[in-house]
Amino acid sequence: MADHGHHAADIPQMDYAEHEGTYHGFVRFAEIATIACLAIVTALAVGGTKHAWGTAIVGTLLTLVGTGIGIAAPSVGWRAPAVPFALMLLALLLL
């Protein structure tokens, strides 16, 4: 039988701290992207159902700005694109 014990010395150790940091970054980005997608879909709903395309464009631009802020500032995170999402939901209900 082949001896597989000598290969263990060739394998580098895992950098668990780096893996955890990458995982947390991915989860943070997924949260921000999910809220941003919901905000853009809601803006499209405002434009399509209420024929308020000006409001939809402003909501989309605010979403893009909020997404950039959420990505740049980890302490803000998903809350930045949640503001235009809430505004678009409000516009969808009131217009």
N, C-alpha and C. Protein backbone atom coordinates (compact mmCIF):
# COMPACT_ATOMS: atom_id res chain seq x y z
N MET A 1 0.84 -1.18 0.00
CA MET A 1 0.00 0.00 0.00
C MET A 1 0.89 1.24 0.00
N ALA A 2 0.37 2.27 -0.59
CA ALA A 2 1.12 3.53 -0.65
C ALA A 2 1.06 4.24 0.70
N ASP A 3 2.14 4.89 1.02
CA ASP A 3 2.21 5.64 2.28
C ASP A 3 1.81 7.09 1.99
N HIS A 4 0.69 7.52 2.55
CA HIS A 4 0.20 8.88 2.31
C HIS A 4 0.62 9.86 3.39
N GLY A 5 1.36 9.44 4.34
CA GLY A 5 1.76 10.28 5.46
C GLY A 5 2.74 11.37 5.09
N HIS A 6 3.56 11.17 4.08
CA HIS A 6 4.59 12.16 3.75
C HIS A 6 4.02 13.37 3.01
N HIS A 7 2.80 13.31 2.52
CA HIS A 7 2.20 14.44 1.80
C HIS A 7 1.70 15.53 2.74
N ALA A 8 1.47 15.19 4.00
CA ALA A 8 0.94 16.18 4.94
C ALA A 8 1.92 17.32 5.17
N ALA A 9 3.19 17.09 5.02
CA ALA A 9 4.18 18.15 5.22
C ALA A 9 4.16 19.16 4.07
N ASP A 10 3.67 18.74 2.89
CA ASP A 10 3.63 19.62 1.72
C ASP A 10 2.45 20.57 1.74
N ILE A 11 1.43 20.26 2.51
CA ILE A 11 0.20 21.05 2.52
C ILE A 11 0.35 22.20 3.51
N PRO A 12 0.16 23.45 3.03
CA PRO A 12 0.26 24.58 3.97
C PRO A 12 -0.93 24.62 4.92
N GLN A 13 -0.71 25.21 6.06
CA GLN A 13 -1.78 25.34 7.05
C GLN A 13 -2.82 26.35 6.57
N MET A 14 -4.06 26.12 6.95
CA MET A 14 -5.15 27.02 6.57
C MET A 14 -5.07 28.31 7.39
N ASP A 15 -5.36 29.42 6.74
CA ASP A 15 -5.38 30.71 7.42
C ASP A 15 -6.84 30.99 7.79
N TYR A 16 -7.25 30.51 8.95
CA TYR A 16 -8.65 30.59 9.35
C TYR A 16 -9.12 32.02 9.56
N ALA A 17 -8.26 32.88 10.03
CA ALA A 17 -8.65 34.28 10.23
C ALA A 17 -8.99 34.93 8.88
N GLU A 18 -8.20 34.64 7.88
CA GLU A 18 -8.46 35.19 6.54
C GLU A 18 -9.75 34.61 5.96
N HIS A 19 -9.99 33.33 6.18
CA HIS A 19 -11.22 32.71 5.70
C HIS A 19 -12.44 33.34 6.37
N GLU A 20 -12.35 33.55 7.67
CA GLU A 20 -13.48 34.16 8.38
C GLU A 20 -13.72 35.58 7.92
N GLY A 21 -12.64 36.33 7.67
CA GLY A 21 -12.79 37.70 7.17
C GLY A 21 -13.45 37.74 5.80
N THR A 22 -13.05 36.81 4.94
CA THR A 22 -13.66 36.73 3.61
C THR A 22 -15.13 36.37 3.71
N TYR A 23 -15.46 35.43 4.59
CA TYR A 23 -16.85 35.02 4.77
C TYR A 23 -17.71 36.19 5.27
N HIS A 24 -17.21 36.91 6.26
CA HIS A 24 -17.97 38.05 6.80
C HIS A 24 -18.13 39.14 5.74
N GLY A 25 -17.12 39.36 4.93
CA GLY A 25 -17.23 40.33 3.84
C GLY A 25 -18.26 39.91 2.81
N PHE A 26 -18.29 38.62 2.49
CA PHE A 26 -19.29 38.11 1.55
C PHE A 26 -20.70 38.26 2.09
N VAL A 27 -20.89 37.93 3.35
CA VAL A 27 -22.23 38.05 3.95
C VAL A 27 -22.67 39.51 3.98
N ARG A 28 -21.75 40.41 4.31
CA ARG A 28 -22.07 41.84 4.34
C ARG A 28 -22.47 42.33 2.95
N PHE A 29 -21.70 41.93 1.93
CA PHE A 29 -22.02 42.32 0.56
C PHE A 29 -23.36 41.74 0.12
N ALA A 30 -23.65 40.49 0.49
CA ALA A 30 -24.92 39.87 0.12
C ALA A 30 -26.10 40.60 0.75
N GLU A 31 -25.96 41.04 1.99
CA GLU A 31 -27.03 41.80 2.65
C GLU A 31 -27.27 43.12 1.92
N ILE A 32 -26.20 43.83 1.62
CA ILE A 32 -26.32 45.13 0.96
C ILE A 32 -26.91 44.96 -0.43
N ALA A 33 -26.44 43.97 -1.18
CA ALA A 33 -26.93 43.75 -2.54
C ALA A 33 -28.39 43.33 -2.55
N THR A 34 -28.82 42.54 -1.57
CA THR A 34 -30.22 42.12 -1.51
C THR A 34 -31.14 43.31 -1.29
N ILE A 35 -30.80 44.17 -0.35
CA ILE A 35 -31.62 45.35 -0.09
C ILE A 35 -31.60 46.28 -1.29
N ALA A 36 -30.46 46.43 -1.94
CA ALA A 36 -30.37 47.30 -3.12
C ALA A 36 -31.24 46.76 -4.25
N CYS A 37 -31.22 45.45 -4.46
CA CYS A 37 -32.08 44.86 -5.51
C CYS A 37 -33.55 45.07 -5.19
N LEU A 38 -33.92 44.89 -3.94
CA LEU A 38 -35.32 45.13 -3.55
C LEU A 38 -35.72 46.58 -3.77
N ALA A 39 -34.81 47.50 -3.49
CA ALA A 39 -35.10 48.92 -3.68
C ALA A 39 -35.28 49.25 -5.16
N ILE A 40 -34.44 48.68 -6.01
CA ILE A 40 -34.55 48.96 -7.45
C ILE A 40 -35.82 48.33 -8.01
N VAL A 41 -36.16 47.13 -7.58
CA VAL A 41 -37.41 46.51 -8.04
C VAL A 41 -38.61 47.32 -7.58
N THR A 42 -38.55 47.84 -6.37
CA THR A 42 -39.65 48.68 -5.87
C THR A 42 -39.72 49.98 -6.66
N ALA A 43 -38.59 50.56 -7.02
CA ALA A 43 -38.59 51.76 -7.86
C ALA A 43 -39.19 51.47 -9.22
N LEU A 44 -38.88 50.32 -9.79
CA LEU A 44 -39.50 49.95 -11.07
C LEU A 44 -41.01 49.74 -10.92
N ALA A 45 -41.43 49.23 -9.78
CA ALA A 45 -42.86 49.08 -9.53
C ALA A 45 -43.54 50.43 -9.42
N VAL A 46 -42.87 51.40 -8.80
CA VAL A 46 -43.43 52.76 -8.71
C VAL A 46 -43.58 53.35 -10.11
N GLY A 47 -42.56 53.18 -10.93
CA GLY A 47 -42.63 53.72 -12.29
C GLY A 47 -43.65 53.01 -13.15
N GLY A 48 -43.72 51.69 -13.02
CA GLY A 48 -44.61 50.92 -13.88
C GLY A 48 -46.07 50.98 -13.48
N THR A 49 -46.36 50.95 -12.19
CA THR A 49 -47.76 50.91 -11.77
C THR A 49 -48.34 52.30 -11.52
N LYS A 50 -47.52 53.21 -11.06
CA LYS A 50 -48.01 54.56 -10.74
C LYS A 50 -47.66 55.57 -11.81
N HIS A 51 -46.90 55.16 -12.81
CA HIS A 51 -46.45 56.05 -13.90
C HIS A 51 -45.72 57.27 -13.35
N ALA A 52 -44.96 57.06 -12.30
CA ALA A 52 -44.15 58.12 -11.69
C ALA A 52 -42.69 57.80 -11.95
N TRP A 53 -42.29 57.92 -13.22
CA TRP A 53 -40.93 57.53 -13.60
C TRP A 53 -39.88 58.48 -13.04
N GLY A 54 -40.25 59.72 -12.82
CA GLY A 54 -39.30 60.65 -12.20
C GLY A 54 -38.95 60.21 -10.79
N THR A 55 -39.96 59.82 -10.04
CA THR A 55 -39.74 59.31 -8.69
C THR A 55 -38.93 58.02 -8.73
N ALA A 56 -39.20 57.17 -9.71
CA ALA A 56 -38.47 55.91 -9.84
C ALA A 56 -36.99 56.16 -10.15
N ILE A 57 -36.71 57.13 -11.01
CA ILE A 57 -35.32 57.44 -11.35
C ILE A 57 -34.59 58.00 -10.12
N VAL A 58 -35.24 58.89 -9.40
CA VAL A 58 -34.63 59.44 -8.18
C VAL A 58 -34.40 58.32 -7.16
N GLY A 59 -35.35 57.41 -7.02
CA GLY A 59 -35.18 56.29 -6.11
C GLY A 59 -34.04 55.37 -6.51
N THR A 60 -33.89 55.15 -7.81
CA THR A 60 -32.79 54.31 -8.30
C THR A 60 -31.44 54.97 -8.03
N LEU A 61 -31.36 56.27 -8.28
CA LEU A 61 -30.11 56.99 -8.03
C LEU A 61 -29.78 57.01 -6.53
N LEU A 62 -30.78 57.21 -5.71
CA LEU A 62 -30.55 57.16 -4.25
C LEU A 62 -30.11 55.76 -3.81
N THR A 63 -30.65 54.74 -4.45
CA THR A 63 -30.25 53.38 -4.14
C THR A 63 -28.79 53.15 -4.49
N LEU A 64 -28.37 53.65 -5.65
CA LEU A 64 -26.97 53.49 -6.05
C LEU A 64 -26.03 54.20 -5.08
N VAL A 65 -26.41 55.40 -4.67
CA VAL A 65 -25.60 56.14 -3.71
C VAL A 65 -25.58 55.42 -2.36
N GLY A 66 -26.74 54.97 -1.91
CA GLY A 66 -26.81 54.24 -0.65
C GLY A 66 -26.03 52.95 -0.66
N THR A 67 -26.03 52.26 -1.80
CA THR A 67 -25.26 51.02 -1.92
C THR A 67 -23.77 51.31 -1.83
N GLY A 68 -23.33 52.37 -2.48
CA GLY A 68 -21.92 52.75 -2.39
C GLY A 68 -21.52 53.11 -0.98
N ILE A 69 -22.39 53.83 -0.28
CA ILE A 69 -22.10 54.18 1.11
C ILE A 69 -22.08 52.93 1.98
N GLY A 70 -23.02 52.02 1.75
CA GLY A 70 -23.07 50.79 2.54
C GLY A 70 -21.85 49.92 2.35
N ILE A 71 -21.33 49.88 1.11
CA ILE A 71 -20.13 49.08 0.85
C ILE A 71 -18.90 49.76 1.44
N ALA A 72 -18.85 51.08 1.34
CA ALA A 72 -17.67 51.82 1.82
C ALA A 72 -17.61 51.90 3.34
N ALA A 73 -18.75 51.94 3.99
CA ALA A 73 -18.79 52.08 5.45
C ALA A 73 -19.39 50.82 6.07
N PRO A 74 -18.57 49.92 6.55
CA PRO A 74 -19.10 48.67 7.12
C PRO A 74 -20.03 48.89 8.32
N SER A 75 -19.86 49.99 9.04
CA SER A 75 -20.72 50.22 10.20
C SER A 75 -22.15 50.56 9.78
N VAL A 76 -22.31 51.11 8.57
CA VAL A 76 -23.65 51.44 8.07
C VAL A 76 -24.26 50.21 7.40
N GLY A 77 -23.52 49.56 6.54
CA GLY A 77 -23.93 48.31 5.92
C GLY A 77 -25.23 48.40 5.15
N TRP A 78 -26.13 47.46 5.42
CA TRP A 78 -27.38 47.35 4.67
C TRP A 78 -28.35 48.48 4.96
N ARG A 79 -28.13 49.26 6.01
CA ARG A 79 -29.07 50.32 6.36
C ARG A 79 -29.05 51.47 5.35
N ALA A 80 -27.93 51.66 4.65
CA ALA A 80 -27.85 52.75 3.68
C ALA A 80 -28.80 52.53 2.50
N PRO A 81 -28.81 51.36 1.83
CA PRO A 81 -29.80 51.19 0.77
C PRO A 81 -31.21 50.92 1.28
N ALA A 82 -31.36 50.68 2.58
CA ALA A 82 -32.70 50.47 3.13
C ALA A 82 -33.50 51.77 3.15
N VAL A 83 -32.82 52.91 3.21
CA VAL A 83 -33.52 54.20 3.23
C VAL A 83 -34.26 54.43 1.91
N PRO A 84 -33.60 54.34 0.74
CA PRO A 84 -34.38 54.49 -0.50
C PRO A 84 -35.40 53.38 -0.70
N PHE A 85 -35.12 52.18 -0.17
CA PHE A 85 -36.11 51.11 -0.26
C PHE A 85 -37.38 51.50 0.48
N ALA A 86 -37.23 52.03 1.69
CA ALA A 86 -38.39 52.47 2.46
C ALA A 86 -39.11 53.62 1.77
N LEU A 87 -38.34 54.54 1.19
CA LEU A 87 -38.97 55.65 0.47
C LEU A 87 -39.75 55.18 -0.76
N MET A 88 -39.21 54.20 -1.47
CA MET A 88 -39.92 53.67 -2.64
C MET A 88 -41.16 52.89 -2.24
N LEU A 89 -41.09 52.17 -1.12
CA LEU A 89 -42.30 51.51 -0.61
C LEU A 89 -43.37 52.53 -0.23
N LEU A 90 -42.94 53.60 0.39
CA LEU A 90 -43.86 54.67 0.75
C LEU A 90 -44.48 55.31 -0.50
N ALA A 91 -43.65 55.55 -1.51
CA ALA A 91 -44.16 56.12 -2.76
C ALA A 91 -45.11 55.15 -3.44
N LEU A 92 -44.83 53.88 -3.37
CA LEU A 92 -45.71 52.86 -3.98
C LEU A 92 -47.06 52.83 -3.29
N LEU A 93 -47.07 53.07 -2.00
CA LEU A 93 -48.33 53.04 -1.26
C LEU A 93 -49.11 54.34 -1.39
N LEU A 94 -48.42 55.48 -1.47
CA LEU A 94 -49.12 56.77 -1.41
C LEU A 94 -49.43 57.38 -2.77
N LEU A 95 -48.68 57.03 -3.81
CA LEU A 95 -48.94 57.66 -5.10
C LEU A 95 -50.08 57.01 -5.83
